[in-house]
């Protein structure tokens, strides 16, 4: 992992809400209802559910999630008009290994 990527990830994780989102997404079935259409978490959690749980405005949570996706922490999948997000476990593992060096 490059230092620049690790730095961007660190910036994303330095915010309490963004870190909390990562915790929620680690076990989505414990923190969110499955979307009524998909009925599973294979593609992640509906962005609307993340926004509702956070209690933040749509614009704030959208900015947070976009930044988390840009640095690679989250993977986005679209189904129709709905966006779903899940953790990028491979990148999280690489980041953990990088900071443990």
PDB file of N, CA and C in Angstrom:
ATOM      1  N   UNK A   1       0.840  -1.181   0.000  1.00  0.00           N
ATOM      2  CA  UNK A   1       0.000   0.000   0.000  1.00  0.00           C
ATOM      3  C   UNK A   1       0.882   1.240   0.000  1.00  0.00           C
ATOM      4  N   UNK A   2       0.489   2.214  -0.783  1.00  0.00           N
ATOM      5  CA  UNK A   2       1.238   3.459  -0.849  1.00  0.00           C
ATOM      6  C   UNK A   2       0.891   4.361   0.335  1.00  0.00           C
ATOM      7  N   UNK A   3       1.849   5.182   0.709  1.00  0.00           N
ATOM      8  CA  UNK A   3       1.664   6.113   1.818  1.00  0.00           C
ATOM      9  C   UNK A   3       0.479   7.041   1.564  1.00  0.00           C
ATOM     10  N   UNK A   4       0.326   7.516   0.325  1.00  0.00           N
ATOM     11  CA  UNK A   4      -0.768   8.433  -0.010  1.00  0.00           C
ATOM     12  C   UNK A   4      -2.127   7.777   0.236  1.00  0.00           C
ATOM     13  N   UNK A   5      -2.289   6.528  -0.162  1.00  0.00           N
ATOM     14  CA  UNK A   5      -3.552   5.803   0.040  1.00  0.00           C
ATOM     15  C   UNK A   5      -3.802   5.610   1.529  1.00  0.00           C
ATOM     16  N   UNK A   6      -2.766   5.194   2.250  1.00  0.00           N
ATOM     17  CA  UNK A   6      -2.903   4.990   3.698  1.00  0.00           C
ATOM     18  C   UNK A   6      -3.287   6.295   4.400  1.00  0.00           C
ATOM     19  N   UNK A   7      -2.736   7.405   3.959  1.00  0.00           N
ATOM     20  CA  UNK A   7      -3.055   8.702   4.546  1.00  0.00           C
ATOM     21  C   UNK A   7      -4.514   9.067   4.308  1.00  0.00           C
ATOM     22  N   UNK A   8      -5.003   8.838   3.101  1.00  0.00           N
ATOM     23  CA  UNK A   8      -6.409   9.130   2.782  1.00  0.00           C
ATOM     24  C   UNK A   8      -7.351   8.256   3.611  1.00  0.00           C
ATOM     25  N   UNK A   9      -7.007   7.007   3.768  1.00  0.00           N
ATOM     26  CA  UNK A   9      -7.825   6.114   4.600  1.00  0.00           C
ATOM     27  C   UNK A   9      -7.829   6.612   6.035  1.00  0.00           C
ATOM     28  N   UNK A  10      -6.668   6.993   6.540  1.00  0.00           N
ATOM     29  CA  UNK A  10      -6.569   7.527   7.894  1.00  0.00           C
ATOM     30  C   UNK A  10      -7.434   8.753   8.090  1.00  0.00           C
ATOM     31  N   UNK A  11      -7.462   9.630   7.089  1.00  0.00           N
ATOM     32  CA  UNK A  11      -8.307  10.827   7.164  1.00  0.00           C
ATOM     33  C   UNK A  11      -9.783  10.437   7.248  1.00  0.00           C
ATOM     34  N   UNK A  12     -10.184   9.476   6.434  1.00  0.00           N
ATOM     35  CA  UNK A  12     -11.579   9.031   6.452  1.00  0.00           C
ATOM     36  C   UNK A  12     -11.956   8.445   7.812  1.00  0.00           C
ATOM     37  N   UNK A  13     -11.048   7.723   8.397  1.00  0.00           N
ATOM     38  CA  UNK A  13     -11.344   7.059   9.669  1.00  0.00           C
ATOM     39  C   UNK A  13     -11.179   7.973  10.880  1.00  0.00           C
ATOM     40  N   UNK A  14     -10.728   9.203  10.656  1.00  0.00           N
ATOM     41  CA  UNK A  14     -10.507  10.111  11.780  1.00  0.00           C
ATOM     42  C   UNK A  14     -11.793  10.811  12.232  1.00  0.00           C
ATOM     43  N   UNK A  15     -12.888  10.516  11.583  1.00  0.00           N
ATOM     44  CA  UNK A  15     -14.183  11.098  11.927  1.00  0.00           C
ATOM     45  C   UNK A  15     -15.017  10.040  12.652  1.00  0.00           C
ATOM     46  N   UNK A  16     -15.593  10.401  13.777  1.00  0.00           N
ATOM     47  CA  UNK A  16     -16.331   9.460  14.608  1.00  0.00           C
ATOM     48  C   UNK A  16     -17.497   8.801  13.856  1.00  0.00           C
ATOM     49  N   UNK A  17     -18.248   9.573  13.104  1.00  0.00           N
ATOM     50  CA  UNK A  17     -19.390   9.020  12.380  1.00  0.00           C
ATOM     51  C   UNK A  17     -18.936   8.051  11.298  1.00  0.00           C
ATOM     52  N   UNK A  18     -17.897   8.416  10.552  1.00  0.00           N
ATOM     53  CA  UNK A  18     -17.411   7.518   9.498  1.00  0.00           C
ATOM     54  C   UNK A  18     -16.876   6.224  10.085  1.00  0.00           C
ATOM     55  N   UNK A  19     -16.195   6.310  11.216  1.00  0.00           N
ATOM     56  CA  UNK A  19     -15.708   5.107  11.879  1.00  0.00           C
ATOM     57  C   UNK A  19     -16.886   4.263  12.367  1.00  0.00           C
ATOM     58  N   UNK A  20     -17.915   4.913  12.865  1.00  0.00           N
ATOM     59  CA  UNK A  20     -19.103   4.212  13.318  1.00  0.00           C
ATOM     60  C   UNK A  20     -19.798   3.504  12.150  1.00  0.00           C
ATOM     61  N   UNK A  21     -19.845   4.147  11.006  1.00  0.00           N
ATOM     62  CA  UNK A  21     -20.420   3.519   9.815  1.00  0.00           C
ATOM     63  C   UNK A  21     -19.663   2.238   9.477  1.00  0.00           C
ATOM     64  N   UNK A  22     -18.339   2.295   9.557  1.00  0.00           N
ATOM     65  CA  UNK A  22     -17.533   1.095   9.289  1.00  0.00           C
ATOM     66  C   UNK A  22     -17.875  -0.017  10.280  1.00  0.00           C
ATOM     67  N   UNK A  23     -18.102   0.352  11.533  1.00  0.00           N
ATOM     68  CA  UNK A  23     -18.492  -0.642  12.540  1.00  0.00           C
ATOM     69  C   UNK A  23     -19.864  -1.234  12.211  1.00  0.00           C
ATOM     70  N   UNK A  24     -20.825  -0.375  11.859  1.00  0.00           N
ATOM     71  CA  UNK A  24     -22.163  -0.861  11.505  1.00  0.00           C
ATOM     72  C   UNK A  24     -22.120  -1.817  10.326  1.00  0.00           C
ATOM     73  N   UNK A  25     -21.295  -1.487   9.330  1.00  0.00           N
ATOM     74  CA  UNK A  25     -21.241  -2.297   8.114  1.00  0.00           C
ATOM     75  C   UNK A  25     -20.472  -3.594   8.305  1.00  0.00           C
ATOM     76  N   UNK A  26     -19.731  -3.708   9.391  1.00  0.00           N
ATOM     77  CA  UNK A  26     -19.015  -4.961   9.654  1.00  0.00           C
ATOM     78  C   UNK A  26     -20.006  -6.101   9.859  1.00  0.00           C
ATOM     79  N   UNK A  27     -21.104  -5.817  10.559  1.00  0.00           N
ATOM     80  CA  UNK A  27     -22.169  -6.805  10.769  1.00  0.00           C
ATOM     81  C   UNK A  27     -23.503  -6.135  10.445  1.00  0.00           C
ATOM     82  N   UNK A  28     -23.781  -5.952   9.167  1.00  0.00           N
ATOM     83  CA  UNK A  28     -24.974  -5.200   8.778  1.00  0.00           C
ATOM     84  C   UNK A  28     -26.276  -5.817   9.287  1.00  0.00           C
ATOM     85  N   UNK A  29     -26.321  -7.136   9.372  1.00  0.00           N
ATOM     86  CA  UNK A  29     -27.546  -7.801   9.823  1.00  0.00           C
ATOM     87  C   UNK A  29     -27.902  -7.444  11.271  1.00  0.00           C
ATOM     88  N   UNK A  30     -26.913  -7.001  12.050  1.00  0.00           N
ATOM     89  CA  UNK A  30     -27.160  -6.584  13.434  1.00  0.00           C
ATOM     90  C   UNK A  30     -27.555  -5.111  13.541  1.00  0.00           C
ATOM     91  N   UNK A  31     -27.364  -4.350  12.480  1.00  0.00           N
ATOM     92  CA  UNK A  31     -27.549  -2.904  12.550  1.00  0.00           C
ATOM     93  C   UNK A  31     -28.587  -2.327  11.591  1.00  0.00           C
ATOM     94  N   UNK A  32     -28.983  -3.090  10.583  1.00  0.00           N
ATOM     95  CA  UNK A  32     -29.898  -2.573   9.576  1.00  0.00           C
ATOM     96  C   UNK A  32     -30.904  -3.648   9.178  1.00  0.00           C
ATOM     97  N   UNK A  33     -32.078  -3.209   8.725  1.00  0.00           N
ATOM     98  CA  UNK A  33     -33.009  -4.184   8.142  1.00  0.00           C
ATOM     99  C   UNK A  33     -32.566  -4.480   6.706  1.00  0.00           C
ATOM    100  N   UNK A  34     -32.806  -5.680   6.224  1.00  0.00           N
ATOM    101  CA  UNK A  34     -32.506  -5.914   4.803  1.00  0.00           C
ATOM    102  C   UNK A  34     -33.468  -5.096   3.950  1.00  0.00           C
ATOM    103  N   UNK A  35     -32.988  -4.634   2.813  1.00  0.00           N
ATOM    104  CA  UNK A  35     -33.847  -3.850   1.928  1.00  0.00           C
ATOM    105  C   UNK A  35     -35.002  -4.726   1.462  1.00  0.00           C
ATOM    106  N   UNK A  36     -36.185  -4.147   1.404  1.00  0.00           N
ATOM    107  CA  UNK A  36     -37.388  -4.923   1.082  1.00  0.00           C
ATOM    108  C   UNK A  36     -37.311  -5.621  -0.269  1.00  0.00           C
ATOM    109  N   UNK A  37     -36.545  -5.088  -1.203  1.00  0.00           N
ATOM    110  CA  UNK A  37     -36.433  -5.702  -2.521  1.00  0.00           C
ATOM    111  C   UNK A  37     -35.427  -6.850  -2.537  1.00  0.00           C
ATOM    112  N   UNK A  38     -34.230  -6.622  -1.965  1.00  0.00           N
ATOM    113  CA  UNK A  38     -33.174  -7.626  -2.035  1.00  0.00           C
ATOM    114  C   UNK A  38     -33.287  -8.700  -0.959  1.00  0.00           C
ATOM    115  N   UNK A  39     -33.665  -8.298   0.248  1.00  0.00           N
ATOM    116  CA  UNK A  39     -33.823  -9.207   1.385  1.00  0.00           C
ATOM    117  C   UNK A  39     -32.525  -9.883   1.829  1.00  0.00           C
ATOM    118  N   UNK A  40     -31.377  -9.294   1.487  1.00  0.00           N
ATOM    119  CA  UNK A  40     -30.080  -9.816   1.916  1.00  0.00           C
ATOM    120  C   UNK A  40     -29.080  -8.664   1.952  1.00  0.00           C
ATOM    121  N   UNK A  41     -27.863  -8.966   2.425  1.00  0.00           N
ATOM    122  CA  UNK A  41     -26.823  -7.942   2.527  1.00  0.00           C
ATOM    123  C   UNK A  41     -25.625  -8.242   1.616  1.00  0.00           C
ATOM    124  N   UNK A  42     -25.788  -9.112   0.635  1.00  0.00           N
ATOM    125  CA  UNK A  42     -24.671  -9.488  -0.235  1.00  0.00           C
ATOM    126  C   UNK A  42     -24.043  -8.278  -0.921  1.00  0.00           C
ATOM    127  N   UNK A  43     -24.857  -7.307  -1.290  1.00  0.00           N
ATOM    128  CA  UNK A  43     -24.354  -6.103  -1.957  1.00  0.00           C
ATOM    129  C   UNK A  43     -24.212  -4.940  -0.994  1.00  0.00           C
ATOM    130  N   UNK A  44     -24.443  -5.171   0.283  1.00  0.00           N
ATOM    131  CA  UNK A  44     -24.293  -4.127   1.280  1.00  0.00           C
ATOM    132  C   UNK A  44     -25.610  -3.624   1.807  1.00  0.00           C
ATOM    133  N   UNK A  45     -25.563  -2.412   2.326  1.00  0.00           N
ATOM    134  CA  UNK A  45     -26.707  -1.775   2.978  1.00  0.00           C
ATOM    135  C   UNK A  45     -27.161  -0.592   2.136  1.00  0.00           C
ATOM    136  N   UNK A  46     -28.460  -0.423   2.033  1.00  0.00           N
ATOM    137  CA  UNK A  46     -29.025   0.709   1.302  1.00  0.00           C
ATOM    138  C   UNK A  46     -28.550   2.013   1.950  1.00  0.00           C
ATOM    139  N   UNK A  47     -28.091   2.939   1.142  1.00  0.00           N
ATOM    140  CA  UNK A  47     -27.581   4.222   1.625  1.00  0.00           C
ATOM    141  C   UNK A  47     -28.626   4.934   2.485  1.00  0.00           C
ATOM    142  N   UNK A  48     -29.889   4.812   2.128  1.00  0.00           N
ATOM    143  CA  UNK A  48     -30.953   5.452   2.906  1.00  0.00           C
ATOM    144  C   UNK A  48     -30.942   4.977   4.351  1.00  0.00           C
ATOM    145  N   UNK A  49     -30.709   3.700   4.566  1.00  0.00           N
ATOM    146  CA  UNK A  49     -30.682   3.153   5.925  1.00  0.00           C
ATOM    147  C   UNK A  49     -29.492   3.700   6.716  1.00  0.00           C
ATOM    148  N   UNK A  50     -28.359   3.852   6.043  1.00  0.00           N
ATOM    149  CA  UNK A  50     -27.175   4.402   6.711  1.00  0.00           C
ATOM    150  C   UNK A  50     -27.449   5.842   7.125  1.00  0.00           C
ATOM    151  N   UNK A  51     -28.060   6.607   6.228  1.00  0.00           N
ATOM    152  CA  UNK A  51     -28.372   8.007   6.526  1.00  0.00           C
ATOM    153  C   UNK A  51     -29.342   8.097   7.699  1.00  0.00           C
ATOM    154  N   UNK A  52     -30.380   7.275   7.693  1.00  0.00           N
ATOM    155  CA  UNK A  52     -31.367   7.303   8.775  1.00  0.00           C
ATOM    156  C   UNK A  52     -30.741   6.952  10.115  1.00  0.00           C
ATOM    157  N   UNK A  53     -29.910   5.924  10.142  1.00  0.00           N
ATOM    158  CA  UNK A  53     -29.286   5.486  11.391  1.00  0.00           C
ATOM    159  C   UNK A  53     -28.312   6.541  11.921  1.00  0.00           C
ATOM    160  N   UNK A  54     -27.629   7.226  11.028  1.00  0.00           N
ATOM    161  CA  UNK A  54     -26.644   8.221  11.459  1.00  0.00           C
ATOM    162  C   UNK A  54     -27.303   9.459  12.076  1.00  0.00           C
ATOM    163  N   UNK A  55     -28.516   9.769  11.622  1.00  0.00           N
ATOM    164  CA  UNK A  55     -29.194  10.958  12.108  1.00  0.00           C
ATOM    165  C   UNK A  55     -28.667  12.247  11.496  1.00  0.00           C
ATOM    166  N   UNK A  56     -27.786  12.133  10.525  1.00  0.00           N
ATOM    167  CA  UNK A  56     -27.218  13.306   9.864  1.00  0.00           C
ATOM    168  C   UNK A  56     -28.032  13.655   8.626  1.00  0.00           C
ATOM    169  N   UNK A  57     -27.819  14.855   8.114  1.00  0.00           N
ATOM    170  CA  UNK A  57     -28.524  15.271   6.902  1.00  0.00           C
ATOM    171  C   UNK A  57     -28.077  14.419   5.723  1.00  0.00           C
ATOM    172  N   UNK A  58     -28.931  14.372   4.716  1.00  0.00           N
ATOM    173  CA  UNK A  58     -28.616  13.596   3.516  1.00  0.00           C
ATOM    174  C   UNK A  58     -27.350  14.108   2.864  1.00  0.00           C
ATOM    175  N   UNK A  59     -27.157  15.415   2.817  1.00  0.00           N
ATOM    176  CA  UNK A  59     -25.975  15.976   2.158  1.00  0.00           C
ATOM    177  C   UNK A  59     -24.696  15.630   2.925  1.00  0.00           C
ATOM    178  N   UNK A  60     -24.755  15.668   4.247  1.00  0.00           N
ATOM    179  CA  UNK A  60     -23.574  15.340   5.054  1.00  0.00           C
ATOM    180  C   UNK A  60     -23.203  13.874   4.897  1.00  0.00           C
ATOM    181  N   UNK A  61     -24.180  12.996   5.018  1.00  0.00           N
ATOM    182  CA  UNK A  61     -23.877  11.566   4.928  1.00  0.00           C
ATOM    183  C   UNK A  61     -23.439  11.214   3.512  1.00  0.00           C
ATOM    184  N   UNK A  62     -23.994  11.878   2.522  1.00  0.00           N
ATOM    185  CA  UNK A  62     -23.583  11.642   1.138  1.00  0.00           C
ATOM    186  C   UNK A  62     -22.114  12.005   0.948  1.00  0.00           C
ATOM    187  N   UNK A  63     -21.697  13.122   1.503  1.00  0.00           N
ATOM    188  CA  UNK A  63     -20.292  13.532   1.421  1.00  0.00           C
ATOM    189  C   UNK A  63     -19.404  12.521   2.120  1.00  0.00           C
ATOM    190  N   UNK A  64     -19.788  12.106   3.310  1.00  0.00           N
ATOM    191  CA  UNK A  64     -19.002  11.119   4.056  1.00  0.00           C
ATOM    192  C   UNK A  64     -18.849   9.825   3.251  1.00  0.00           C
ATOM    193  N   UNK A  65     -19.965   9.307   2.750  1.00  0.00           N
ATOM    194  CA  UNK A  65     -19.930   8.028   2.041  1.00  0.00           C
ATOM    195  C   UNK A  65     -19.164   8.135   0.730  1.00  0.00           C
ATOM    196  N   UNK A  66     -19.295   9.252   0.042  1.00  0.00           N
ATOM    197  CA  UNK A  66     -18.545   9.457  -1.201  1.00  0.00           C
ATOM    198  C   UNK A  66     -17.047   9.451  -0.920  1.00  0.00           C
ATOM    199  N   UNK A  67     -16.627  10.145   0.120  1.00  0.00           N
ATOM    200  CA  UNK A  67     -15.206  10.169   0.477  1.00  0.00           C
ATOM    201  C   UNK A  67     -14.705   8.786   0.870  1.00  0.00           C
ATOM    202  N   UNK A  68     -15.521   8.040   1.595  1.00  0.00           N
ATOM    203  CA  UNK A  68     -15.135   6.689   2.008  1.00  0.00           C
ATOM    204  C   UNK A  68     -15.024   5.763   0.802  1.00  0.00           C
ATOM    205  N   UNK A  69     -15.893   5.965  -0.162  1.00  0.00           N
ATOM    206  CA  UNK A  69     -15.838   5.171  -1.387  1.00  0.00           C
ATOM    207  C   UNK A  69     -14.615   5.557  -2.229  1.00  0.00           C
ATOM    208  N   UNK A  70     -14.325   6.859  -2.326  1.00  0.00           N
ATOM    209  CA  UNK A  70     -13.172   7.320  -3.109  1.00  0.00           C
ATOM    210  C   UNK A  70     -11.858   6.767  -2.581  1.00  0.00           C
ATOM    211  N   UNK A  71     -11.722   6.675  -1.268  1.00  0.00           N
ATOM    212  CA  UNK A  71     -10.461   6.158  -0.725  1.00  0.00           C
ATOM    213  C   UNK A  71     -10.455   4.630  -0.687  1.00  0.00           C
ATOM    214  N   UNK A  72     -11.555   4.006  -1.092  1.00  0.00           N
ATOM    215  CA  UNK A  72     -11.576   2.557  -1.244  1.00  0.00           C
ATOM    216  C   UNK A  72     -12.137   1.780  -0.070  1.00  0.00           C
ATOM    217  N   UNK A  73     -12.543   2.458   0.996  1.00  0.00           N
ATOM    218  CA  UNK A  73     -13.062   1.748   2.169  1.00  0.00           C
ATOM    219  C   UNK A  73     -14.410   1.084   1.902  1.00  0.00           C
ATOM    220  N   UNK A  74     -15.189   1.658   1.003  1.00  0.00           N
ATOM    221  CA  UNK A  74     -16.519   1.134   0.699  1.00  0.00           C
ATOM    222  C   UNK A  74     -16.638   0.777  -0.776  1.00  0.00           C
ATOM    223  N   UNK A  75     -17.443  -0.230  -1.034  1.00  0.00           N
ATOM    224  CA  UNK A  75     -17.750  -0.661  -2.396  1.00  0.00           C
ATOM    225  C   UNK A  75     -19.233  -0.389  -2.633  1.00  0.00           C
ATOM    226  N   UNK A  76     -19.533   0.273  -3.729  1.00  0.00           N
ATOM    227  CA  UNK A  76     -20.910   0.636  -4.054  1.00  0.00           C
ATOM    228  C   UNK A  76     -21.469  -0.263  -5.152  1.00  0.00           C
ATOM    229  N   UNK A  77     -22.737  -0.634  -4.985  1.00  0.00           N
ATOM    230  CA  UNK A  77     -23.463  -1.392  -5.996  1.00  0.00           C
ATOM    231  C   UNK A  77     -24.831  -0.746  -6.157  1.00  0.00           C
ATOM    232  N   UNK A  78     -25.262  -0.602  -7.405  1.00  0.00           N
ATOM    233  CA  UNK A  78     -26.590  -0.020  -7.662  1.00  0.00           C
ATOM    234  C   UNK A  78     -27.554  -1.107  -8.118  1.00  0.00           C
ATOM    235  N   UNK A  79     -28.762  -0.996  -7.607  1.00  0.00           N
ATOM    236  CA  UNK A  79     -29.885  -1.821  -8.061  1.00  0.00           C
ATOM    237  C   UNK A  79     -31.023  -0.844  -8.332  1.00  0.00           C
ATOM    238  N   UNK A  80     -31.267  -0.570  -9.600  1.00  0.00           N
ATOM    239  CA  UNK A  80     -32.289   0.407  -9.945  1.00  0.00           C
ATOM    240  C   UNK A  80     -31.925   1.773  -9.400  1.00  0.00           C
ATOM    241  N   UNK A  81     -32.830   2.361  -8.633  1.00  0.00           N
ATOM    242  CA  UNK A  81     -32.565   3.685  -8.070  1.00  0.00           C
ATOM    243  C   UNK A  81     -31.868   3.621  -6.717  1.00  0.00           C
ATOM    244  N   UNK A  82     -31.598   2.433  -6.203  1.00  0.00           N
ATOM    245  CA  UNK A  82     -31.010   2.265  -4.880  1.00  0.00           C
ATOM    246  C   UNK A  82     -29.510   2.000  -4.959  1.00  0.00           C
ATOM    247  N   UNK A  83     -28.764   2.636  -4.067  1.00  0.00           N
ATOM    248  CA  UNK A  83     -27.322   2.383  -3.937  1.00  0.00           C
ATOM    249  C   UNK A  83     -27.076   1.639  -2.641  1.00  0.00           C
ATOM    250  N   UNK A  84     -26.210   0.648  -2.723  1.00  0.00           N
ATOM    251  CA  UNK A  84     -25.864  -0.174  -1.569  1.00  0.00           C
ATOM    252  C   UNK A  84     -24.365  -0.079  -1.341  1.00  0.00           C
ATOM    253  N   UNK A  85     -23.981  -0.056  -0.078  1.00  0.00           N
ATOM    254  CA  UNK A  85     -22.565   0.039   0.266  1.00  0.00           C
ATOM    255  C   UNK A  85     -22.171  -1.084   1.208  1.00  0.00           C
ATOM    256  N   UNK A  86     -20.968  -1.601   0.982  1.00  0.00           N
ATOM    257  CA  UNK A  86     -20.397  -2.577   1.896  1.00  0.00           C
ATOM    258  C   UNK A  86     -18.922  -2.271   2.072  1.00  0.00           C
ATOM    259  N   UNK A  87     -18.359  -2.824   3.110  1.00  0.00           N
ATOM    260  CA  UNK A  87     -16.944  -2.617   3.410  1.00  0.00           C
ATOM    261  C   UNK A  87     -16.069  -3.331   2.376  1.00  0.00           C
ATOM    262  N   UNK A  88     -14.944  -2.730   2.059  1.00  0.00           N
ATOM    263  CA  UNK A  88     -13.948  -3.355   1.197  1.00  0.00           C
ATOM    264  C   UNK A  88     -12.965  -4.079   2.118  1.00  0.00           C
ATOM    265  N   UNK A  89     -13.293  -5.311   2.451  1.00  0.00           N
ATOM    266  CA  UNK A  89     -12.514  -6.068   3.436  1.00  0.00           C
ATOM    267  C   UNK A  89     -11.062  -6.271   3.007  1.00  0.00           C
ATOM    268  N   UNK A  90     -10.821  -6.413   1.711  1.00  0.00           N
ATOM    269  CA  UNK A  90      -9.452  -6.592   1.227  1.00  0.00           C
ATOM    270  C   UNK A  90      -8.613  -5.354   1.513  1.00  0.00           C
ATOM    271  N   UNK A  91      -9.145  -4.176   1.219  1.00  0.00           N
ATOM    272  CA  UNK A  91      -8.412  -2.935   1.477  1.00  0.00           C
ATOM    273  C   UNK A  91      -8.217  -2.729   2.983  1.00  0.00           C
ATOM    274  N   UNK A  92      -9.212  -3.040   3.776  1.00  0.00           N
ATOM    275  CA  UNK A  92      -9.096  -2.904   5.231  1.00  0.00           C
ATOM    276  C   UNK A  92      -7.968  -3.792   5.751  1.00  0.00           C
ATOM    277  N   UNK A  93      -7.874  -4.992   5.222  1.00  0.00           N
ATOM    278  CA  UNK A  93      -6.796  -5.911   5.611  1.00  0.00           C
ATOM    279  C   UNK A  93      -5.438  -5.334   5.223  1.00  0.00           C
ATOM    280  N   UNK A  94      -5.326  -4.828   3.986  1.00  0.00           N
ATOM    281  CA  UNK A  94      -4.067  -4.239   3.527  1.00  0.00           C
ATOM    282  C   UNK A  94      -3.679  -3.033   4.383  1.00  0.00           C
ATOM    283  N   UNK A  95      -4.653  -2.211   4.733  1.00  0.00           N
ATOM    284  CA  UNK A  95      -4.399  -1.034   5.569  1.00  0.00           C
ATOM    285  C   UNK A  95      -3.917  -1.465   6.953  1.00  0.00           C
ATOM    286  N   UNK A  96      -4.566  -2.454   7.516  1.00  0.00           N
ATOM    287  CA  UNK A  96      -4.157  -2.971   8.831  1.00  0.00           C
ATOM    288  C   UNK A  96      -2.732  -3.490   8.804  1.00  0.00           C
ATOM    289  N   UNK A  97      -2.404  -4.230   7.778  1.00  0.00           N
ATOM    290  CA  UNK A  97      -1.040  -4.757   7.642  1.00  0.00           C
ATOM    291  C   UNK A  97      -0.041  -3.627   7.463  1.00  0.00           C
ATOM    292  N   UNK A  98      -0.419  -2.609   6.708  1.00  0.00           N
ATOM    293  CA  UNK A  98       0.465  -1.467   6.465  1.00  0.00           C
ATOM    294  C   UNK A  98       0.785  -0.742   7.755  1.00  0.00           C
ATOM    295  N   UNK A  99      -0.223  -0.461   8.567  1.00  0.00           N
ATOM    296  CA  UNK A  99       0.038   0.305   9.782  1.00  0.00           C
ATOM    297  C   UNK A  99       0.689  -0.545  10.879  1.00  0.00           C
ATOM    298  N   UNK A 100       0.668  -1.864  10.733  1.00  0.00           N
ATOM    299  CA  UNK A 100       1.330  -2.734  11.716  1.00  0.00           C
ATOM    300  C   UNK A 100       2.802  -2.968  11.394  1.00  0.00           C
ATOM    301  N   UNK A 101       3.277  -2.479  10.242  1.00  0.00           N
ATOM    302  CA  UNK A 101       4.684  -2.665   9.859  1.00  0.00           C
ATOM    303  C   UNK A 101       5.599  -2.049  10.882  1.00  0.00           C
TER     304      UNK A 101
END
